[in-house]
Amino acid sequence: MLQSLHVKNLALIDEAEVTFGDGLNILTGETGAGKSIIIGSINLALGAKADKDMIRTGAEYALVELIFTVDQPRQLEAIREMELPVEDGQVILQRRIMQSRSVCRVCGETVTARQLKQLAEILIDIHGQHEHQSLLQTGKQLAILDAYAGEELAACKEELQVIYKQYRQAQEELSDNVVDEETRKRESALAQFECQEISEAELTVGEDEEAEQIYRKLVNGQKIQESVSLAHGLCGYEETGVGSNIGRALKEIRSVSAYDEALQELERQLLDIDSLLNDYNRAAADYLSELEFDGELFDRTEKRLNLINHLKSKYGSTIEEILAYRDKAEQLLNKYSDYDAYRMKLEERADTLRKEALLICEKISNLRRSSADALAGEMRKALVDLNFQEVAFEIQVSSDEETMSASGYDKVTFLISTNAGEKPKELAQVASGGELSRIMLALKTVLADKDEIETLIFDEIDTGISGKTAWKVSEKMGILGREHQLICITHLPQIAAMADTHFCIEKRVEDNRSITDIRCLDETESIEEVARMLGGASITDNVRNNAKEMKDLARNTKQY
């Protein structure tokens, strides 16, 4: 649920804080007061394109912050999969828009605008004129039907995605392996030579590193001998060696150590040093005695390294890659040794996978058809409730195996007739903007129990409607508000009267600058605002009484 909205330095808004309630939140105000800025600010916080011109004149930046409470397990799991933080059941979205860039954060962690958009799909559902128009797309209609069909269909689609992916891979393998006889002979000869060349080398993983180490030692043998000999001399027991000096130092300390226990500790330390130095000198002497240049070993090592580096230049940068190349060449030889059988095996696998996929598609199609009948029935009832007097609503599911995809092979089309005796036609051929908004509302009402997104925003839900139809829409929104949090901008008093929480958006002038404010109305103020929407130039007592009666009627309607 959207808990609060904080806006600062955005367009006409200096600073505004809105705390939304459960159920139906209504936003009203005079034309031009800035109602669209409120919805626009929510869209900005959810990753919509930001323009520096949105920053209020004179301000360095604009800030929008949304706080959501999240307690549904699937939403929490989806957010965790995005590796985004949730703090004490809250998700805080913040976007700071500056002249050169914008910064997006979720609970203080910097994210991209794309991540915000993905998060928005989990937290909120915004319906404006564009979203109503999306109903005309067959892809959207298919998604709506699948959402209504529920978990059984979703499980079938997941199963189909796995099989269909394997089927597409098998098809790609078939198309990639169309090779004529001449090409097969040429590639076989090359693969045969490469396998033989690599196999004859009898490579062992890690031998290149070992050979390089031996080669470095042999090449630098003289330098090694000189350096080790010098180090051995410096640490030895000749007149100038460290060992001789340590011996003299030990003799002097030993002559006085009996007079002070602290000197005895120094003596022990010198003894340890002398012992370590003896060990070092013996090891260095042994190393020098064994150090000799082996010409045969050098020649053998150099030739081996040359062979390995030659193979690396052709087949891979490591011995592992060279051996993997050989394995791949052997697979090619095996494939071409009986190419017809290989192709037949691929074709059989692709055909088997296609049949498996088609069986799942058939199951999905049957589920869609049964769900289509049920959804169409519920939609007809919902549309009648929204003042479609003579309405026929059908959902057509047509199947074509040749159009199979990861979601099945069906095309879903919503058909409607709003006049008696008229044959149902596709939405695009019949529905006006106002009718589309009501159809969308009917769908949201029908799908309310299946929709896990708690917060819905309706912008321009009242497009093209008035009178009795407006009241029917109001009633439907009141019903939808029982299961969801709704935020709705409206110009109609019938819808405003149904508000559980009513906000008024007003524009005022301060210091020759326009400022948009938003405030929550109490019951008396809400009646006054509905009266303003009902009345003309002046608001009379009769208009106020009508507004109060409308509010009472809405309250009674919501109790059923």
Protein backbone atom coordinates (compact mmCIF):
# COMPACT_ATOMS: atom_id res chain seq x y z
CA MET A 1 0.00 0.00 0.00
CA LEU A 2 1.18 3.52 -0.79
CA GLN A 3 1.55 5.10 2.62
CA SER A 4 2.74 8.60 1.76
CA LEU A 5 3.98 10.96 -0.93
CA HIS A 6 6.47 13.78 -0.36
CA VAL A 7 7.11 16.32 -3.14
CA LYS A 8 9.50 19.27 -3.07
CA ASN A 9 10.37 21.90 -5.71
CA LEU A 10 8.45 20.17 -8.51
CA ALA A 11 6.64 22.39 -11.05
CA LEU A 12 4.05 24.42 -9.06
CA ILE A 13 4.62 22.50 -5.83
CA ASP A 14 6.89 24.18 -3.29
CA GLU A 15 6.61 21.32 -0.78
CA ALA A 16 3.75 18.93 -0.12
CA GLU A 17 3.22 15.85 2.03
CA VAL A 18 0.29 13.47 1.46
CA THR A 19 -0.60 10.53 3.70
CA PHE A 20 -2.93 8.18 1.86
CA GLY A 21 -5.52 5.99 3.54
CA ASP A 22 -7.03 2.57 2.92
CA GLY A 23 -9.79 2.12 0.37
CA LEU A 24 -10.72 4.88 -2.05
CA ASN A 25 -8.56 8.03 -2.00
CA ILE A 26 -10.07 10.81 -4.11
CA LEU A 27 -8.17 13.85 -5.42
CA THR A 28 -10.25 16.79 -6.67
CA GLY A 29 -9.69 20.44 -7.49
CA GLU A 30 -10.35 23.19 -9.98
CA THR A 31 -9.10 22.79 -13.55
CA GLY A 32 -5.47 23.90 -13.68
CA ALA A 33 -4.91 23.50 -9.94
CA GLY A 34 -2.21 20.90 -10.55
CA LYS A 35 -3.95 17.53 -10.12
CA SER A 36 -1.88 16.03 -12.93
CA ILE A 37 1.31 17.10 -11.13
CA ILE A 38 0.47 14.77 -8.23
CA ILE A 39 0.12 11.70 -10.46
CA GLY A 40 3.10 12.90 -12.47
CA SER A 41 5.24 13.07 -9.34
CA ILE A 42 4.31 9.48 -8.45
CA ASN A 43 5.29 8.42 -11.96
CA LEU A 44 8.62 10.22 -11.60
CA ALA A 45 9.38 8.41 -8.35
CA LEU A 46 8.61 5.16 -10.16
CA GLY A 47 11.15 5.77 -12.93
CA ALA A 48 9.34 7.89 -15.56
CA LYS A 49 11.48 10.13 -17.75
CA ALA A 50 12.62 13.22 -15.85
CA ASP A 51 13.03 16.67 -17.41
CA LYS A 52 15.08 19.41 -15.74
CA ASP A 53 12.29 21.87 -16.67
CA MET A 54 10.19 20.16 -13.98
CA ILE A 55 12.41 21.71 -11.30
CA ARG A 56 10.65 24.68 -9.71
CA THR A 57 12.11 28.02 -10.83
CA GLY A 58 14.87 29.11 -8.48
CA ALA A 59 15.39 25.68 -6.92
CA GLU A 60 18.54 23.57 -7.36
CA TYR A 61 16.69 20.26 -7.44
CA ALA A 62 13.28 18.59 -7.26
CA LEU A 63 12.57 15.71 -4.87
CA VAL A 64 9.87 13.03 -4.89
CA GLU A 65 9.62 10.33 -2.21
CA LEU A 66 7.15 7.46 -1.91
CA ILE A 67 6.79 5.16 1.11
CA PHE A 68 5.11 1.77 0.57
CA THR A 69 4.17 -0.80 3.18
CA VAL A 70 4.71 -4.32 1.83
CA ASP A 71 3.43 -7.43 3.60
CA GLN A 72 2.39 -9.82 0.83
CA PRO A 73 4.85 -12.77 0.57
CA ARG A 74 4.97 -12.81 -3.24
CA GLN A 75 5.72 -9.09 -3.41
CA LEU A 76 8.46 -9.43 -0.80
CA GLU A 77 9.95 -12.40 -2.67
CA ALA A 78 9.89 -10.49 -5.98
CA ILE A 79 11.68 -7.53 -4.37
CA ARG A 80 14.27 -9.85 -2.82
CA GLU A 81 14.89 -11.41 -6.25
CA MET A 82 15.71 -7.90 -7.50
CA GLU A 83 18.23 -7.71 -4.61
CA LEU A 84 16.60 -4.52 -3.30
CA PRO A 85 16.23 -3.72 0.41
CA VAL A 86 13.03 -3.78 2.47
CA GLU A 87 13.24 -2.09 5.88
CA ASP A 88 10.70 -3.13 8.55
CA GLY A 89 8.10 -3.95 5.91
CA GLN A 90 8.60 -0.61 4.16
CA VAL A 91 10.02 0.29 0.76
CA ILE A 92 11.12 3.92 0.45
CA LEU A 93 11.55 5.21 -3.11
CA GLN A 94 13.31 8.53 -3.57
CA ARG A 95 14.21 10.42 -6.72
CA ARG A 96 16.20 13.64 -6.77
CA ILE A 97 16.07 15.51 -10.09
CA MET A 98 18.93 17.94 -10.73
CA GLN A 99 19.90 20.09 -13.69
CA SER A 100 22.37 17.58 -15.10
CA ARG A 101 21.06 14.24 -13.86
CA SER A 102 18.69 12.45 -11.51
CA VAL A 103 19.49 10.09 -8.64
CA CYS A 104 17.17 7.21 -7.71
CA ARG A 105 17.30 5.39 -4.38
CA VAL A 106 15.43 2.52 -2.73
CA CYS A 107 15.77 2.56 1.07
CA GLY A 108 18.91 4.66 0.64
CA GLU A 109 20.51 2.33 -1.93
CA THR A 110 21.21 3.90 -5.33
CA VAL A 111 19.40 2.19 -8.22
CA THR A 112 18.74 2.85 -11.91
CA ALA A 113 15.51 4.27 -13.34
CA ARG A 114 15.01 0.88 -15.01
CA GLN A 115 15.13 -0.87 -11.63
CA LEU A 116 12.56 1.62 -10.31
CA LYS A 117 10.23 0.75 -13.18
CA GLN A 118 10.60 -2.96 -12.43
CA LEU A 119 9.87 -2.31 -8.78
CA ALA A 120 6.85 -0.21 -9.71
CA GLU A 121 5.30 -3.18 -11.52
CA ILE A 122 5.41 -5.07 -8.21
CA LEU A 123 4.06 -2.29 -5.99
CA ILE A 124 1.50 -0.28 -7.95
CA ASP A 125 -0.80 -0.36 -10.98
CA ILE A 126 -1.42 2.99 -12.71
CA HIS A 127 -4.33 3.35 -15.11
CA GLY A 128 -4.54 6.41 -17.31
CA GLN A 129 -5.77 7.05 -20.83
CA HIS A 130 -2.73 5.20 -22.23
CA GLU A 131 -3.44 2.13 -20.10
CA HIS A 132 -7.08 2.10 -21.22
CA GLN A 133 -5.90 2.14 -24.83
CA SER A 134 -3.69 -0.89 -24.14
CA LEU A 135 -6.91 -2.89 -23.85
CA LEU A 136 -7.12 -2.71 -27.63
CA GLN A 137 -3.98 -4.83 -27.97
CA THR A 138 -4.57 -8.57 -28.36
CA GLY A 139 -1.43 -9.28 -26.35
CA LYS A 140 -2.90 -7.36 -23.40
CA GLN A 141 -6.19 -9.22 -23.74
CA LEU A 142 -4.33 -12.56 -23.67
CA ALA A 143 -2.48 -11.47 -20.50
CA ILE A 144 -5.77 -10.49 -18.82
CA LEU A 145 -7.38 -13.83 -19.62
CA ASP A 146 -4.30 -15.72 -18.36
CA ALA A 147 -4.34 -13.73 -15.12
CA TYR A 148 -7.98 -14.67 -14.64
CA ALA A 149 -7.30 -18.36 -15.39
CA GLY A 150 -4.97 -18.51 -12.40
CA GLU A 151 -2.29 -20.86 -11.12
CA GLU A 152 -3.12 -23.99 -13.14
CA LEU A 153 -2.63 -22.12 -16.41
CA ALA A 154 0.49 -20.38 -15.05
CA ALA A 155 2.01 -23.77 -14.18
CA CYS A 156 1.26 -25.08 -17.69
CA LYS A 157 2.90 -22.00 -19.22
CA GLU A 158 6.04 -22.53 -17.14
CA GLU A 159 6.18 -26.15 -18.31
CA LEU A 160 5.69 -25.03 -21.92
CA GLN A 161 8.47 -22.45 -21.70
CA VAL A 162 10.97 -25.18 -20.79
CA ILE A 163 9.88 -27.55 -23.57
CA TYR A 164 9.55 -24.76 -26.14
CA LYS A 165 13.07 -23.53 -25.40
CA GLN A 166 14.43 -27.04 -25.97
CA TYR A 167 12.40 -27.31 -29.18
CA ARG A 168 13.78 -23.99 -30.49
CA GLN A 169 17.32 -25.11 -29.67
CA ALA A 170 16.76 -28.38 -31.56
CA GLN A 171 15.44 -26.41 -34.55
CA GLU A 172 18.44 -24.09 -34.47
CA GLU A 173 20.79 -27.08 -34.30
CA LEU A 174 19.08 -28.56 -37.35
CA SER A 175 19.33 -25.34 -39.35
CA ASP A 176 22.98 -24.88 -38.30
CA ASN A 177 23.89 -28.38 -39.48
CA VAL A 178 22.88 -28.34 -43.11
CA VAL A 179 26.22 -29.32 -44.71
CA ASP A 180 26.83 -30.60 -48.22
CA GLU A 181 29.08 -33.64 -48.89
CA GLU A 182 32.06 -31.65 -50.21
CA THR A 183 32.08 -29.42 -47.12
CA ARG A 184 31.81 -32.46 -44.86
CA LYS A 185 34.84 -34.08 -46.54
CA ARG A 186 36.87 -30.90 -46.22
CA GLU A 187 35.94 -30.32 -42.57
CA SER A 188 36.48 -34.00 -41.73
CA ALA A 189 40.00 -33.96 -43.19
CA LEU A 190 40.89 -30.85 -41.21
CA ALA A 191 39.39 -32.25 -38.00
CA GLN A 192 41.30 -35.52 -38.53
CA PHE A 193 44.59 -33.65 -38.89
CA GLU A 194 43.90 -31.48 -35.83
CA CYS A 195 42.97 -34.45 -33.65
CA GLN A 196 46.10 -36.31 -34.69
CA GLU A 197 48.38 -33.30 -34.13
CA ILE A 198 47.02 -32.69 -30.61
CA SER A 199 46.91 -36.38 -29.64
CA GLU A 200 50.50 -37.01 -30.76
CA ALA A 201 51.67 -34.22 -28.45
CA GLU A 202 50.38 -36.26 -25.44
CA LEU A 203 49.70 -33.11 -23.44
CA THR A 204 49.24 -33.15 -19.68
CA VAL A 205 47.36 -30.41 -17.86
CA GLY A 206 49.85 -28.21 -15.97
CA GLU A 207 52.99 -29.42 -17.77
CA ASP A 208 53.42 -26.06 -19.55
CA GLU A 209 53.78 -24.22 -16.24
CA GLU A 210 56.24 -26.81 -14.93
CA ALA A 211 58.31 -26.68 -18.15
CA GLU A 212 58.41 -22.89 -18.09
CA GLN A 213 59.68 -22.97 -14.51
CA ILE A 214 62.48 -25.43 -15.41
CA TYR A 215 63.36 -23.38 -18.53
CA ARG A 216 63.61 -20.13 -16.54
CA LYS A 217 65.93 -21.82 -14.03
CA LEU A 218 68.19 -23.24 -16.74
CA VAL A 219 68.36 -20.01 -18.77
CA ASN A 220 69.28 -18.02 -15.64
CA GLY A 221 71.60 -20.67 -14.16
CA GLN A 222 74.77 -18.55 -14.15
CA LYS A 223 73.05 -15.58 -12.51
CA ILE A 224 71.50 -17.87 -9.91
CA GLN A 225 74.93 -19.40 -9.08
CA GLU A 226 76.59 -16.00 -8.69
CA SER A 227 73.83 -14.56 -6.50
CA VAL A 228 73.52 -17.61 -4.23
CA SER A 229 77.34 -17.84 -3.87
CA LEU A 230 77.57 -14.17 -2.88
CA ALA A 231 74.70 -14.52 -0.39
CA HIS A 232 76.34 -17.64 1.07
CA GLY A 233 79.63 -15.79 1.50
CA LEU A 234 78.01 -12.79 3.17
CA CYS A 235 76.25 -15.03 5.66
CA GLY A 236 79.23 -17.38 6.21
CA TYR A 237 81.85 -17.65 8.94
CA GLU A 238 84.74 -16.06 7.06
CA GLU A 239 86.32 -12.91 8.48
CA THR A 240 83.75 -10.56 6.90
CA GLY A 241 80.75 -12.88 7.06
CA VAL A 242 77.71 -12.41 9.22
CA GLY A 243 78.28 -15.79 10.87
CA SER A 244 81.70 -14.70 12.15
CA ASN A 245 80.27 -11.48 13.65
CA ILE A 246 77.39 -13.41 15.25
CA GLY A 247 79.97 -15.78 16.83
CA ARG A 248 81.96 -12.88 18.30
CA ALA A 249 78.78 -11.23 19.58
CA LEU A 250 77.69 -14.48 21.21
CA LYS A 251 81.09 -14.87 22.90
CA GLU A 252 80.91 -11.36 24.41
CA ILE A 253 77.33 -11.74 25.71
CA ARG A 254 78.12 -15.18 27.15
CA SER A 255 81.02 -13.68 29.15
CA VAL A 256 78.67 -11.40 31.10
CA SER A 257 75.31 -13.21 31.03
CA ALA A 258 75.87 -14.71 34.46
CA TYR A 259 75.57 -11.24 36.01
CA ASP A 260 72.05 -10.43 34.75
CA GLU A 261 69.08 -12.64 33.81
CA ALA A 262 68.11 -10.18 31.07
CA LEU A 263 71.48 -10.86 29.39
CA GLN A 264 70.70 -14.58 29.48
CA GLU A 265 67.62 -13.91 27.37
CA LEU A 266 69.77 -11.97 24.88
CA GLU A 267 72.18 -14.90 24.80
CA ARG A 268 69.32 -17.31 23.97
CA GLN A 269 68.19 -15.04 21.15
CA LEU A 270 71.73 -14.92 19.67
CA LEU A 271 71.94 -18.71 19.91
CA ASP A 272 68.67 -18.99 17.95
CA ILE A 273 70.02 -16.58 15.31
CA ASP A 274 73.27 -18.54 15.09
CA SER A 275 71.35 -21.80 14.71
CA LEU A 276 69.13 -20.37 11.94
CA LEU A 277 72.18 -18.96 10.18
CA ASN A 278 73.87 -22.37 10.31
CA ASP A 279 70.78 -23.99 8.82
CA TYR A 280 70.69 -21.39 6.04
CA ASN A 281 74.38 -21.81 5.19
CA ARG A 282 74.07 -25.60 5.00
CA ALA A 283 70.99 -25.31 2.73
CA ALA A 284 72.73 -22.75 0.49
CA ALA A 285 75.83 -24.95 0.25
CA ASP A 286 73.72 -27.98 -0.66
CA TYR A 287 71.89 -25.94 -3.34
CA LEU A 288 75.21 -24.78 -4.86
CA SER A 289 76.64 -28.31 -4.86
CA GLU A 290 73.64 -29.61 -6.80
CA LEU A 291 73.45 -26.63 -9.18
CA GLU A 292 74.75 -27.50 -12.61
CA PHE A 293 73.69 -26.80 -16.19
CA ASP A 294 72.12 -29.82 -17.88
CA GLY A 295 72.37 -29.20 -21.62
CA GLU A 296 70.25 -32.20 -22.55
CA LEU A 297 67.46 -31.16 -20.15
CA PHE A 298 67.60 -27.59 -21.50
CA ASP A 299 67.28 -28.77 -25.11
CA ARG A 300 64.43 -31.15 -24.27
CA THR A 301 62.55 -28.49 -22.26
CA GLU A 302 62.95 -25.85 -24.95
CA LYS A 303 61.59 -28.17 -27.66
CA ARG A 304 58.62 -29.15 -25.48
CA LEU A 305 57.76 -25.53 -24.78
CA ASN A 306 58.00 -24.69 -28.49
CA LEU A 307 55.57 -27.51 -29.30
CA ILE A 308 53.11 -26.46 -26.59
CA ASN A 309 53.24 -22.79 -27.65
CA HIS A 310 52.74 -23.81 -31.28
CA LEU A 311 49.57 -25.72 -30.31
CA LYS A 312 48.44 -22.81 -28.16
CA SER A 313 48.76 -20.45 -31.12
CA LYS A 314 46.38 -22.70 -33.10
CA TYR A 315 43.94 -24.23 -30.64
CA GLY A 316 43.74 -22.28 -27.38
CA SER A 317 45.65 -20.26 -24.80
CA THR A 318 45.80 -23.12 -22.27
CA ILE A 319 46.30 -26.88 -22.40
CA GLU A 320 42.73 -27.31 -21.17
CA GLU A 321 41.46 -25.29 -24.15
CA ILE A 322 43.64 -27.31 -26.56
CA LEU A 323 42.25 -30.61 -25.25
CA ALA A 324 38.71 -29.21 -25.41
CA TYR A 325 39.34 -28.23 -29.04
CA ARG A 326 40.42 -31.81 -29.78
CA ASP A 327 37.25 -33.16 -28.13
CA LYS A 328 35.14 -30.85 -30.27
CA ALA A 329 36.98 -31.97 -33.42
CA GLU A 330 36.37 -35.61 -32.45
CA GLN A 331 32.66 -34.86 -32.01
CA LEU A 332 32.62 -33.36 -35.51
CA LEU A 333 34.27 -36.49 -36.91
CA ASN A 334 31.73 -38.69 -35.15
CA LYS A 335 28.90 -36.56 -36.51
CA TYR A 336 30.18 -36.68 -40.09
CA SER A 337 31.02 -40.40 -39.97
CA ASP A 338 27.27 -41.12 -40.22
CA TYR A 339 25.78 -37.76 -41.07
CA ASP A 340 22.39 -39.04 -42.23
CA ALA A 341 21.83 -40.86 -38.94
CA TYR A 342 22.90 -37.74 -37.05
CA ARG A 343 20.42 -35.55 -38.96
CA MET A 344 17.67 -38.11 -38.47
CA LYS A 345 18.31 -38.13 -34.72
CA LEU A 346 18.09 -34.32 -34.60
CA GLU A 347 14.86 -34.34 -36.60
CA GLU A 348 13.34 -37.00 -34.37
CA ARG A 349 14.25 -35.00 -31.25
CA ALA A 350 12.83 -31.77 -32.69
CA ASP A 351 9.64 -33.57 -33.72
CA THR A 352 9.27 -35.18 -30.29
CA LEU A 353 9.72 -31.84 -28.54
CA ARG A 354 7.23 -30.17 -30.89
CA LYS A 355 4.62 -32.81 -30.13
CA GLU A 356 5.23 -32.39 -26.39
CA ALA A 357 4.90 -28.62 -26.74
CA LEU A 358 1.69 -28.95 -28.77
CA LEU A 359 0.15 -31.20 -26.11
CA ILE A 360 0.84 -28.57 -23.48
CA CYS A 361 -0.47 -25.86 -25.84
CA GLU A 362 -3.69 -27.84 -26.23
CA LYS A 363 -4.06 -28.05 -22.44
CA ILE A 364 -3.41 -24.31 -22.14
CA SER A 365 -5.91 -23.59 -24.90
CA ASN A 366 -8.62 -25.66 -23.18
CA LEU A 367 -7.99 -23.82 -19.91
CA ARG A 368 -8.21 -20.49 -21.73
CA ARG A 369 -11.48 -21.43 -23.42
CA SER A 370 -13.15 -22.48 -20.19
CA SER A 371 -11.80 -19.39 -18.42
CA ALA A 372 -12.90 -17.19 -21.33
CA ASP A 373 -16.51 -18.28 -20.89
CA ALA A 374 -16.39 -17.63 -17.15
CA LEU A 375 -14.63 -14.26 -17.49
CA ALA A 376 -17.02 -13.13 -20.23
CA GLY A 377 -19.96 -13.98 -17.97
CA GLU A 378 -18.56 -12.00 -15.06
CA MET A 379 -17.66 -9.12 -17.35
CA ARG A 380 -21.21 -8.89 -18.68
CA LYS A 381 -22.52 -8.56 -15.13
CA ALA A 382 -19.84 -5.99 -14.23
CA LEU A 383 -20.55 -3.95 -17.38
CA VAL A 384 -24.30 -3.93 -16.68
CA ASP A 385 -23.44 -2.61 -13.21
CA LEU A 386 -21.48 0.16 -14.96
CA ASN A 387 -24.57 1.23 -16.93
CA PHE A 388 -23.94 -0.68 -20.16
CA GLN A 389 -27.65 -1.34 -20.62
CA GLU A 390 -27.67 -3.61 -23.66
CA VAL A 391 -24.23 -5.16 -23.60
CA ALA A 392 -22.88 -8.36 -25.08
CA PHE A 393 -19.33 -9.32 -24.16
CA GLU A 394 -17.49 -12.31 -25.58
CA ILE A 395 -13.94 -13.59 -25.47
CA GLN A 396 -12.79 -15.37 -28.60
CA VAL A 397 -9.92 -17.85 -28.37
CA SER A 398 -8.55 -18.91 -31.75
CA SER A 399 -5.75 -21.45 -32.10
CA ASP A 400 -3.11 -21.96 -34.78
CA GLU A 401 -0.30 -24.50 -34.37
CA GLU A 402 1.87 -22.54 -36.78
CA THR A 403 1.95 -19.56 -34.40
CA MET A 404 3.15 -21.60 -31.42
CA SER A 405 5.34 -19.66 -28.99
CA ALA A 406 6.46 -19.97 -25.38
CA SER A 407 3.00 -18.82 -24.26
CA GLY A 408 0.97 -21.18 -26.46
CA TYR A 409 -0.66 -20.97 -29.86
CA ASP A 410 -3.77 -18.94 -29.03
CA LYS A 411 -4.93 -15.50 -30.03
CA VAL A 412 -7.38 -13.89 -27.61
CA THR A 413 -9.82 -11.22 -28.76
CA PHE A 414 -12.31 -9.29 -26.62
CA LEU A 415 -15.58 -8.65 -28.47
CA ILE A 416 -18.29 -6.25 -27.33
CA SER A 417 -21.63 -4.88 -28.46
CA THR A 418 -23.24 -2.00 -26.58
CA ASN A 419 -26.42 -1.91 -28.64
CA ALA A 420 -29.20 -4.50 -28.79
CA GLY A 421 -29.24 -6.54 -31.99
CA GLU A 422 -25.68 -5.58 -32.94
CA LYS A 423 -23.15 -8.36 -33.44
CA PRO A 424 -20.20 -8.15 -31.02
CA LYS A 425 -17.08 -6.65 -32.60
CA GLU A 426 -13.50 -6.09 -31.49
CA LEU A 427 -13.03 -3.36 -28.88
CA ALA A 428 -11.08 -1.17 -31.28
CA GLN A 429 -14.07 -1.07 -33.65
CA VAL A 430 -16.67 -0.22 -31.00
CA ALA A 431 -15.41 1.23 -27.72
CA SER A 432 -14.96 4.95 -27.13
CA GLY A 433 -12.49 6.41 -24.61
CA GLY A 434 -15.14 6.60 -21.90
CA GLU A 435 -16.27 3.04 -22.56
CA LEU A 436 -12.69 1.77 -22.45
CA SER A 437 -12.18 3.31 -19.02
CA ARG A 438 -15.32 1.57 -17.74
CA ILE A 439 -14.30 -1.73 -19.34
CA MET A 440 -10.91 -1.46 -17.61
CA LEU A 441 -12.65 -0.74 -14.30
CA ALA A 442 -14.92 -3.74 -14.82
CA LEU A 443 -11.88 -5.93 -15.47
CA LYS A 444 -10.10 -4.68 -12.36
CA THR A 445 -13.23 -5.40 -10.32
CA VAL A 446 -13.58 -8.92 -11.70
CA LEU A 447 -9.86 -9.61 -11.21
CA ALA A 448 -9.71 -8.02 -7.75
CA ASP A 449 -9.34 -11.33 -5.93
CA LYS A 450 -6.56 -12.47 -8.26
CA ASP A 451 -4.63 -9.17 -8.38
CA GLU A 452 -1.77 -9.13 -5.86
CA ILE A 453 -0.92 -5.47 -6.49
CA GLU A 454 -2.60 -3.66 -3.63
CA THR A 455 -2.43 -0.06 -4.86
CA LEU A 456 -4.26 1.06 -8.02
CA ILE A 457 -4.18 4.58 -9.44
CA PHE A 458 -6.94 5.72 -11.79
CA ASP A 459 -6.27 8.87 -13.78
CA GLU A 460 -9.07 10.08 -16.08
CA ILE A 461 -11.37 7.23 -15.06
CA ASP A 462 -14.28 9.65 -15.62
CA THR A 463 -13.41 10.33 -19.26
CA GLY A 464 -16.56 10.66 -21.32
CA ILE A 465 -19.08 9.71 -18.59
CA SER A 466 -21.68 11.60 -16.52
CA GLY A 467 -25.02 11.24 -14.77
CA LYS A 468 -26.20 7.75 -13.88
CA THR A 469 -23.16 6.15 -15.51
CA ALA A 470 -20.90 8.21 -13.26
CA TRP A 471 -22.75 6.94 -10.20
CA LYS A 472 -22.43 3.35 -11.39
CA VAL A 473 -18.68 3.86 -11.84
CA SER A 474 -18.55 5.35 -8.35
CA GLU A 475 -20.29 2.29 -6.88
CA LYS A 476 -17.88 -0.03 -8.67
CA MET A 477 -14.88 1.86 -7.33
CA GLY A 478 -16.34 1.64 -3.84
CA ILE A 479 -16.53 -2.15 -4.23
CA LEU A 480 -12.98 -2.34 -5.61
CA GLY A 481 -11.80 -0.23 -2.68
CA ARG A 482 -12.76 -3.02 -0.27
CA GLU A 483 -9.89 -5.19 -1.53
CA HIS A 484 -7.45 -2.57 -2.82
CA GLN A 485 -6.13 0.88 -2.10
CA LEU A 486 -7.38 3.18 -4.88
CA ILE A 487 -6.07 6.65 -5.70
CA CYS A 488 -8.27 8.47 -8.17
CA ILE A 489 -8.28 11.94 -9.72
CA THR A 490 -11.80 12.91 -10.76
CA HIS A 491 -13.93 15.84 -11.92
CA LEU A 492 -17.21 14.09 -11.08
CA PRO A 493 -19.08 14.67 -7.77
CA GLN A 494 -20.59 11.16 -7.96
CA ILE A 495 -17.13 9.60 -7.72
CA ALA A 496 -15.82 12.15 -5.21
CA ALA A 497 -18.75 11.40 -2.89
CA MET A 498 -17.61 7.78 -2.61
CA ALA A 499 -14.24 8.78 -1.12
CA ASP A 500 -12.93 7.08 2.01
CA THR A 501 -10.25 9.77 2.11
CA HIS A 502 -10.76 13.01 0.20
CA PHE A 503 -7.93 15.38 -0.85
CA CYS A 504 -8.36 18.81 -2.39
CA ILE A 505 -5.71 20.25 -4.70
CA GLU A 506 -5.65 24.04 -4.77
CA LYS A 507 -3.56 26.71 -6.47
CA ARG A 508 -2.72 30.00 -4.81
CA VAL A 509 -0.45 32.95 -5.55
CA GLU A 510 2.22 33.96 -3.05
CA ASP A 511 4.81 36.65 -3.76
CA ASN A 512 3.67 36.75 -7.38
CA ARG A 513 4.30 33.01 -7.77
CA SER A 514 1.79 30.20 -8.24
CA ILE A 515 1.90 27.41 -5.66
CA THR A 516 -0.06 24.14 -5.66
CA ASP A 517 -1.11 22.73 -2.27
CA ILE A 518 -2.86 19.50 -1.36
CA ARG A 519 -4.75 18.92 1.87
CA CYS A 520 -6.91 16.22 3.38
CA LEU A 521 -10.55 17.22 3.88
CA ASP A 522 -12.70 16.40 6.88
CA GLU A 523 -16.33 15.38 6.40
CA THR A 524 -17.67 18.94 6.33
CA GLU A 525 -14.98 20.11 3.91
CA SER A 526 -15.60 17.07 1.71
CA ILE A 527 -19.30 17.93 1.48
CA GLU A 528 -18.35 21.50 0.57
CA GLU A 529 -15.97 20.25 -2.17
CA VAL A 530 -18.63 17.91 -3.62
CA ALA A 531 -21.05 20.87 -3.55
CA ARG A 532 -18.51 22.95 -5.48
CA MET A 533 -18.33 20.20 -8.09
CA LEU A 534 -22.13 20.05 -8.28
CA GLY A 535 -22.78 23.80 -8.27
CA GLY A 536 -22.19 26.60 -10.67
CA ALA A 537 -20.94 30.12 -10.00
CA SER A 538 -22.26 30.08 -6.42
CA ILE A 539 -22.95 27.30 -3.94
CA THR A 540 -26.41 27.45 -2.38
CA ASP A 541 -27.80 25.57 0.61
CA ASN A 542 -29.73 23.35 -1.77
CA VAL A 543 -26.49 22.38 -3.51
CA ARG A 544 -24.89 21.64 -0.13
CA ASN A 545 -27.86 19.49 0.81
CA ASN A 546 -27.54 17.61 -2.48
CA ALA A 547 -23.86 17.06 -1.77
CA LYS A 548 -24.61 15.76 1.74
CA GLU A 549 -27.31 13.47 0.37
CA MET A 550 -24.88 12.16 -2.22
CA LYS A 551 -22.27 11.46 0.49
CA ASP A 552 -24.88 9.67 2.64
CA LEU A 553 -25.99 7.57 -0.32
CA ALA A 554 -22.38 6.63 -1.05
CA ARG A 555 -21.83 5.66 2.60
CA ASN A 556 -24.91 3.43 2.56
CA THR A 557 -23.85 1.86 -0.75
CA LYS A 558 -20.43 0.90 0.66
CA GLN A 559 -22.04 -0.88 3.62
CA TYR A 560 -23.58 -3.55 1.37
